């Protein structure tokens, strides 16, 4: 097996019991090790490639950011500051109420650097549950493991919700109690507030879904 975007050449042996894939060709040692891990994992049914992989690869290849997704080179340290919480609030409160994606392992220049180890889901869930959200409504998130070439990427999916807008009732670090959103490729500043028309639209979604339920 050869790849159009890599000089690596992968030989796959027909067995589900041994991790005996061989990677050669013009590629770095780290790439060889990662490709072997991926192919062996798939062959032995230890790795499942999530359908979301194609979506995230398309976002990265677009070489731009948008209202539905944001790139980060690495995870912000939980509890160190309010950056991660602010990012989640902005994406969760998108005015179209769509699923949004925080993609970890991609620089501001759209270079894929990956993460050394995938983040544990419980770390994110516990972090969010410890915050004081209005109405007790916590954004519904899901952590996905994604590959780009041989790089591991974390993707935090923030699912659409009838409980928008999400906001805090108690300030956390430098994140206030106002409503944040994301317009295009720009988050509402931490010291700012979402545009009135966006806030109105989010509350309309909230109360419309409430009546239907």
C-alpha atoms as a PDB file:
ATOM      1  CA  UNK A   1       0.000   0.000   0.000  1.00  0.00           C
ATOM      2  CA  UNK A   2       1.352   3.431  -0.988  1.00  0.00           C
ATOM      3  CA  UNK A   3       0.052   6.875  -0.130  1.00  0.00           C
ATOM      4  CA  UNK A   4      -0.237   9.902  -2.408  1.00  0.00           C
ATOM      5  CA  UNK A   5       0.602  12.248   0.483  1.00  0.00           C
ATOM      6  CA  UNK A   6       3.521  10.257   1.891  1.00  0.00           C
ATOM      7  CA  UNK A   7       6.609   8.382   0.777  1.00  0.00           C
ATOM      8  CA  UNK A   8       5.722   5.507   3.075  1.00  0.00           C
ATOM      9  CA  UNK A   9       5.103   2.025   1.721  1.00  0.00           C
ATOM     10  CA  UNK A  10       3.050  -0.315   3.911  1.00  0.00           C
ATOM     11  CA  UNK A  11       3.024  -4.082   3.568  1.00  0.00           C
ATOM     12  CA  UNK A  12       0.005  -5.732   5.205  1.00  0.00           C
ATOM     13  CA  UNK A  13       0.079  -9.445   5.985  1.00  0.00           C
ATOM     14  CA  UNK A  14      -3.191 -11.372   6.022  1.00  0.00           C
ATOM     15  CA  UNK A  15      -3.744 -12.156   9.687  1.00  0.00           C
ATOM     16  CA  UNK A  16      -5.904 -10.857  12.531  1.00  0.00           C
ATOM     17  CA  UNK A  17      -3.702 -12.193  15.257  1.00  0.00           C
ATOM     18  CA  UNK A  18      -0.254 -10.694  14.697  1.00  0.00           C
ATOM     19  CA  UNK A  19       0.766  -7.082  14.463  1.00  0.00           C
ATOM     20  CA  UNK A  20       3.237  -7.733  11.699  1.00  0.00           C
ATOM     21  CA  UNK A  21       2.594  -4.836   9.344  1.00  0.00           C
ATOM     22  CA  UNK A  22       5.835  -3.504   7.837  1.00  0.00           C
ATOM     23  CA  UNK A  23       6.340   0.176   6.977  1.00  0.00           C
ATOM     24  CA  UNK A  24       9.203   1.239   4.690  1.00  0.00           C
ATOM     25  CA  UNK A  25       9.837   4.007   2.223  1.00  0.00           C
ATOM     26  CA  UNK A  26      10.863   7.649   2.462  1.00  0.00           C
ATOM     27  CA  UNK A  27       9.313   8.755   5.724  1.00  0.00           C
ATOM     28  CA  UNK A  28      10.426   9.733   9.195  1.00  0.00           C
ATOM     29  CA  UNK A  29      10.755   7.163  11.961  1.00  0.00           C
ATOM     30  CA  UNK A  30       7.841   8.696  13.858  1.00  0.00           C
ATOM     31  CA  UNK A  31       5.639   8.370  10.788  1.00  0.00           C
ATOM     32  CA  UNK A  32       6.637   4.731  10.369  1.00  0.00           C
ATOM     33  CA  UNK A  33       5.761   3.937  13.970  1.00  0.00           C
ATOM     34  CA  UNK A  34       2.405   5.745  13.782  1.00  0.00           C
ATOM     35  CA  UNK A  35       1.401   4.149  10.474  1.00  0.00           C
ATOM     36  CA  UNK A  36       2.267   0.706  11.807  1.00  0.00           C
ATOM     37  CA  UNK A  37       0.178   1.353  14.936  1.00  0.00           C
ATOM     38  CA  UNK A  38      -2.793   2.521  12.861  1.00  0.00           C
ATOM     39  CA  UNK A  39      -2.720  -0.289  10.288  1.00  0.00           C
ATOM     40  CA  UNK A  40      -2.082  -2.991  12.891  1.00  0.00           C
ATOM     41  CA  UNK A  41      -4.868  -1.581  15.042  1.00  0.00           C
ATOM     42  CA  UNK A  42      -7.368  -1.612  12.193  1.00  0.00           C
ATOM     43  CA  UNK A  43      -6.282  -5.088  11.084  1.00  0.00           C
ATOM     44  CA  UNK A  44      -6.689  -6.504  14.593  1.00  0.00           C
ATOM     45  CA  UNK A  45      -9.955  -4.605  15.130  1.00  0.00           C
ATOM     46  CA  UNK A  46      -8.475  -2.509  17.928  1.00  0.00           C
ATOM     47  CA  UNK A  47      -8.943   0.774  16.090  1.00  0.00           C
ATOM     48  CA  UNK A  48     -12.200   1.986  14.560  1.00  0.00           C
ATOM     49  CA  UNK A  49     -12.108   4.915  12.137  1.00  0.00           C
ATOM     50  CA  UNK A  50     -15.074   7.101  13.060  1.00  0.00           C
ATOM     51  CA  UNK A  51     -17.150   8.505  10.133  1.00  0.00           C
ATOM     52  CA  UNK A  52     -16.493  11.973  11.564  1.00  0.00           C
ATOM     53  CA  UNK A  53     -12.899  11.548  10.373  1.00  0.00           C
ATOM     54  CA  UNK A  54     -13.873  12.564   6.830  1.00  0.00           C
ATOM     55  CA  UNK A  55     -15.662  15.683   8.092  1.00  0.00           C
ATOM     56  CA  UNK A  56     -12.671  16.872  10.124  1.00  0.00           C
ATOM     57  CA  UNK A  57     -10.190  16.157   7.320  1.00  0.00           C
ATOM     58  CA  UNK A  58     -12.355  18.284   4.997  1.00  0.00           C
ATOM     59  CA  UNK A  59     -12.340  21.139   7.532  1.00  0.00           C
ATOM     60  CA  UNK A  60      -8.543  20.988   7.804  1.00  0.00           C
ATOM     61  CA  UNK A  61      -8.066  20.831   4.033  1.00  0.00           C
ATOM     62  CA  UNK A  62     -10.275  23.920   3.622  1.00  0.00           C
ATOM     63  CA  UNK A  63      -7.419  25.956   5.164  1.00  0.00           C
ATOM     64  CA  UNK A  64      -9.825  28.237   6.990  1.00  0.00           C
ATOM     65  CA  UNK A  65     -11.893  28.479  10.169  1.00  0.00           C
ATOM     66  CA  UNK A  66     -15.640  29.025  10.320  1.00  0.00           C
ATOM     67  CA  UNK A  67     -18.540  29.381  12.743  1.00  0.00           C
ATOM     68  CA  UNK A  68     -18.890  25.593  13.050  1.00  0.00           C
ATOM     69  CA  UNK A  69     -15.313  24.745  13.951  1.00  0.00           C
ATOM     70  CA  UNK A  70     -12.186  26.128  15.555  1.00  0.00           C
ATOM     71  CA  UNK A  71      -8.583  24.865  15.476  1.00  0.00           C
ATOM     72  CA  UNK A  72      -6.269  24.719  18.487  1.00  0.00           C
ATOM     73  CA  UNK A  73      -2.659  23.580  18.485  1.00  0.00           C
ATOM     74  CA  UNK A  74      -2.993  21.957  21.904  1.00  0.00           C
ATOM     75  CA  UNK A  75      -5.398  21.534  24.781  1.00  0.00           C
ATOM     76  CA  UNK A  76      -5.589  24.399  27.224  1.00  0.00           C
ATOM     77  CA  UNK A  77      -4.663  23.227  30.711  1.00  0.00           C
ATOM     78  CA  UNK A  78      -7.914  22.525  32.547  1.00  0.00           C
ATOM     79  CA  UNK A  79      -8.355  24.915  35.450  1.00  0.00           C
ATOM     80  CA  UNK A  80      -5.438  27.157  34.429  1.00  0.00           C
ATOM     81  CA  UNK A  81      -7.599  29.750  32.707  1.00  0.00           C
ATOM     82  CA  UNK A  82     -11.000  30.093  31.096  1.00  0.00           C
ATOM     83  CA  UNK A  83      -9.938  29.649  27.463  1.00  0.00           C
ATOM     84  CA  UNK A  84     -11.394  26.165  26.967  1.00  0.00           C
ATOM     85  CA  UNK A  85     -14.691  27.060  28.641  1.00  0.00           C
ATOM     86  CA  UNK A  86     -14.927  30.233  26.582  1.00  0.00           C
ATOM     87  CA  UNK A  87     -14.320  28.289  23.340  1.00  0.00           C
ATOM     88  CA  UNK A  88     -17.027  25.759  24.236  1.00  0.00           C
ATOM     89  CA  UNK A  89     -19.568  28.460  25.116  1.00  0.00           C
ATOM     90  CA  UNK A  90     -18.921  30.350  21.881  1.00  0.00           C
ATOM     91  CA  UNK A  91     -19.299  27.228  19.723  1.00  0.00           C
ATOM     92  CA  UNK A  92     -22.322  25.940  21.658  1.00  0.00           C
ATOM     93  CA  UNK A  93     -24.157  29.231  21.139  1.00  0.00           C
ATOM     94  CA  UNK A  94     -23.849  29.320  17.350  1.00  0.00           C
ATOM     95  CA  UNK A  95     -26.906  31.056  15.917  1.00  0.00           C
ATOM     96  CA  UNK A  96     -27.779  28.188  13.542  1.00  0.00           C
ATOM     97  CA  UNK A  97     -27.810  25.740  16.469  1.00  0.00           C
ATOM     98  CA  UNK A  98     -25.697  23.160  14.641  1.00  0.00           C
ATOM     99  CA  UNK A  99     -23.158  20.636  15.895  1.00  0.00           C
ATOM    100  CA  UNK A 100     -19.800  22.373  16.221  1.00  0.00           C
ATOM    101  CA  UNK A 101     -16.229  21.130  16.563  1.00  0.00           C
ATOM    102  CA  UNK A 102     -13.196  22.152  18.603  1.00  0.00           C
ATOM    103  CA  UNK A 103     -10.295  20.512  16.759  1.00  0.00           C
ATOM    104  CA  UNK A 104      -7.111  19.987  18.778  1.00  0.00           C
ATOM    105  CA  UNK A 105      -3.766  19.381  17.072  1.00  0.00           C
ATOM    106  CA  UNK A 106      -3.881  22.000  14.295  1.00  0.00           C
ATOM    107  CA  UNK A 107      -2.014  25.329  14.378  1.00  0.00           C
ATOM    108  CA  UNK A 108      -3.397  28.761  13.463  1.00  0.00           C
ATOM    109  CA  UNK A 109      -1.658  28.329  10.100  1.00  0.00           C
ATOM    110  CA  UNK A 110      -3.586  25.063   9.541  1.00  0.00           C
ATOM    111  CA  UNK A 111      -0.525  22.884   9.994  1.00  0.00           C
ATOM    112  CA  UNK A 112      -1.421  19.519  11.506  1.00  0.00           C
ATOM    113  CA  UNK A 113       0.854  18.691  14.449  1.00  0.00           C
ATOM    114  CA  UNK A 114      -1.421  16.253  16.268  1.00  0.00           C
ATOM    115  CA  UNK A 115      -1.562  15.427  19.963  1.00  0.00           C
ATOM    116  CA  UNK A 116       0.847  13.124  21.764  1.00  0.00           C
ATOM    117  CA  UNK A 117      -1.950  11.336  23.606  1.00  0.00           C
ATOM    118  CA  UNK A 118      -5.695  11.494  23.243  1.00  0.00           C
ATOM    119  CA  UNK A 119      -7.505  13.367  26.011  1.00  0.00           C
ATOM    120  CA  UNK A 120      -9.754  11.373  28.348  1.00  0.00           C
ATOM    121  CA  UNK A 121     -13.463  12.152  28.011  1.00  0.00           C
ATOM    122  CA  UNK A 122     -14.053  12.224  31.759  1.00  0.00           C
ATOM    123  CA  UNK A 123     -11.563  15.068  32.152  1.00  0.00           C
ATOM    124  CA  UNK A 124     -13.752  17.285  29.954  1.00  0.00           C
ATOM    125  CA  UNK A 125     -17.063  16.103  31.418  1.00  0.00           C
ATOM    126  CA  UNK A 126     -15.920  16.668  34.988  1.00  0.00           C
ATOM    127  CA  UNK A 127     -14.555  20.097  34.081  1.00  0.00           C
ATOM    128  CA  UNK A 128     -17.886  21.224  32.619  1.00  0.00           C
ATOM    129  CA  UNK A 129     -20.045  19.699  35.350  1.00  0.00           C
ATOM    130  CA  UNK A 130     -18.099  21.630  37.976  1.00  0.00           C
ATOM    131  CA  UNK A 131     -19.181  24.981  36.483  1.00  0.00           C
ATOM    132  CA  UNK A 132     -22.377  26.861  37.358  1.00  0.00           C
ATOM    133  CA  UNK A 133     -24.461  27.020  34.192  1.00  0.00           C
ATOM    134  CA  UNK A 134     -27.758  28.880  34.030  1.00  0.00           C
ATOM    135  CA  UNK A 135     -30.700  26.538  34.547  1.00  0.00           C
ATOM    136  CA  UNK A 136     -28.285  23.689  35.203  1.00  0.00           C
ATOM    137  CA  UNK A 137     -27.962  23.253  31.430  1.00  0.00           C
ATOM    138  CA  UNK A 138     -24.481  21.983  30.549  1.00  0.00           C
ATOM    139  CA  UNK A 139     -23.392  21.844  26.883  1.00  0.00           C
ATOM    140  CA  UNK A 140     -23.705  18.334  25.465  1.00  0.00           C
ATOM    141  CA  UNK A 141     -20.213  17.404  24.323  1.00  0.00           C
ATOM    142  CA  UNK A 142     -18.559  14.282  22.954  1.00  0.00           C
ATOM    143  CA  UNK A 143     -14.845  13.621  22.544  1.00  0.00           C
ATOM    144  CA  UNK A 144     -13.795  11.900  19.312  1.00  0.00           C
ATOM    145  CA  UNK A 145     -10.493  10.341  18.250  1.00  0.00           C
ATOM    146  CA  UNK A 146      -9.548  11.287  14.705  1.00  0.00           C
ATOM    147  CA  UNK A 147      -6.609  10.694  12.354  1.00  0.00           C
ATOM    148  CA  UNK A 148      -5.125  13.056   9.792  1.00  0.00           C
ATOM    149  CA  UNK A 149      -2.485  11.194   7.801  1.00  0.00           C
ATOM    150  CA  UNK A 150      -0.587   9.573  10.695  1.00  0.00           C
ATOM    151  CA  UNK A 151      -1.343  12.294  13.249  1.00  0.00           C
ATOM    152  CA  UNK A 152      -3.685  11.771  16.188  1.00  0.00           C
ATOM    153  CA  UNK A 153      -6.215  14.577  16.642  1.00  0.00           C
ATOM    154  CA  UNK A 154      -8.754  15.240  19.395  1.00  0.00           C
ATOM    155  CA  UNK A 155     -12.130  16.587  18.363  1.00  0.00           C
ATOM    156  CA  UNK A 156     -14.570  17.909  20.935  1.00  0.00           C
ATOM    157  CA  UNK A 157     -18.030  17.781  19.369  1.00  0.00           C
ATOM    158  CA  UNK A 158     -20.475  20.278  20.884  1.00  0.00           C
ATOM    159  CA  UNK A 159     -23.910  18.969  19.942  1.00  0.00           C
ATOM    160  CA  UNK A 160     -26.812  21.188  18.981  1.00  0.00           C
ATOM    161  CA  UNK A 161     -29.224  21.704  21.859  1.00  0.00           C
ATOM    162  CA  UNK A 162     -32.638  23.198  22.642  1.00  0.00           C
ATOM    163  CA  UNK A 163     -31.088  24.632  25.814  1.00  0.00           C
ATOM    164  CA  UNK A 164     -29.244  27.470  24.080  1.00  0.00           C
ATOM    165  CA  UNK A 165     -28.101  29.986  25.041  1.00  0.00           C
ATOM    166  CA  UNK A 166     -25.574  28.504  27.467  1.00  0.00           C
ATOM    167  CA  UNK A 167     -24.065  30.912  29.983  1.00  0.00           C
ATOM    168  CA  UNK A 168     -22.691  30.963  33.516  1.00  0.00           C
ATOM    169  CA  UNK A 169     -24.374  32.273  36.633  1.00  0.00           C
ATOM    170  CA  UNK A 170     -21.023  32.694  38.351  1.00  0.00           C
ATOM    171  CA  UNK A 171     -17.837  34.033  36.798  1.00  0.00           C
ATOM    172  CA  UNK A 172     -15.075  31.476  36.203  1.00  0.00           C
ATOM    173  CA  UNK A 173     -11.513  32.837  35.869  1.00  0.00           C
ATOM    174  CA  UNK A 174     -11.843  35.491  33.155  1.00  0.00           C
ATOM    175  CA  UNK A 175     -15.090  34.090  31.689  1.00  0.00           C
ATOM    176  CA  UNK A 176     -18.065  36.234  32.648  1.00  0.00           C
ATOM    177  CA  UNK A 177     -21.791  35.566  33.040  1.00  0.00           C
ATOM    178  CA  UNK A 178     -22.741  37.138  29.710  1.00  0.00           C
ATOM    179  CA  UNK A 179     -23.754  35.221  26.600  1.00  0.00           C
ATOM    180  CA  UNK A 180     -20.964  34.459  24.120  1.00  0.00           C
ATOM    181  CA  UNK A 181     -21.205  33.242  20.537  1.00  0.00           C
ATOM    182  CA  UNK A 182     -19.079  32.666  17.434  1.00  0.00           C
ATOM    183  CA  UNK A 183     -19.591  34.616  14.208  1.00  0.00           C
ATOM    184  CA  UNK A 184     -17.621  33.413  11.211  1.00  0.00           C
ATOM    185  CA  UNK A 185     -14.155  32.570  12.512  1.00  0.00           C
ATOM    186  CA  UNK A 186     -14.325  34.922  15.509  1.00  0.00           C
ATOM    187  CA  UNK A 187     -15.394  34.285  19.103  1.00  0.00           C
ATOM    188  CA  UNK A 188     -17.057  36.947  21.217  1.00  0.00           C
ATOM    189  CA  UNK A 189     -14.292  38.499  23.376  1.00  0.00           C
ATOM    190  CA  UNK A 190     -14.391  37.411  27.021  1.00  0.00           C
ATOM    191  CA  UNK A 191     -15.118  40.985  28.037  1.00  0.00           C
ATOM    192  CA  UNK A 192     -17.811  41.358  25.391  1.00  0.00           C
ATOM    193  CA  UNK A 193     -21.274  39.986  24.702  1.00  0.00           C
ATOM    194  CA  UNK A 194     -22.988  38.399  21.723  1.00  0.00           C
ATOM    195  CA  UNK A 195     -24.896  40.704  19.394  1.00  0.00           C
ATOM    196  CA  UNK A 196     -28.481  41.340  20.517  1.00  0.00           C
ATOM    197  CA  UNK A 197     -29.955  39.793  17.354  1.00  0.00           C
ATOM    198  CA  UNK A 198     -27.997  36.570  17.951  1.00  0.00           C
ATOM    199  CA  UNK A 199     -29.102  36.402  21.587  1.00  0.00           C
ATOM    200  CA  UNK A 200     -32.702  36.923  20.493  1.00  0.00           C
ATOM    201  CA  UNK A 201     -32.390  34.112  17.941  1.00  0.00           C
ATOM    202  CA  UNK A 202     -30.912  31.727  20.534  1.00  0.00           C
ATOM    203  CA  UNK A 203     -33.734  32.411  23.012  1.00  0.00           C
ATOM    204  CA  UNK A 204     -36.262  31.885  20.205  1.00  0.00           C
ATOM    205  CA  UNK A 205     -34.748  28.429  19.569  1.00  0.00           C
ATOM    206  CA  UNK A 206     -34.927  27.731  23.301  1.00  0.00           C
ATOM    207  CA  UNK A 207     -38.579  28.644  23.747  1.00  0.00           C
ATOM    208  CA  UNK A 208     -39.731  27.129  20.436  1.00  0.00           C
ATOM    209  CA  UNK A 209     -38.247  23.746  21.336  1.00  0.00           C
ATOM    210  CA  UNK A 210     -39.651  24.057  24.852  1.00  0.00           C
ATOM    211  CA  UNK A 211     -43.192  24.465  23.487  1.00  0.00           C
ATOM    212  CA  UNK A 212     -42.785  21.530  21.097  1.00  0.00           C
ATOM    213  CA  UNK A 213     -41.681  19.290  23.971  1.00  0.00           C
END
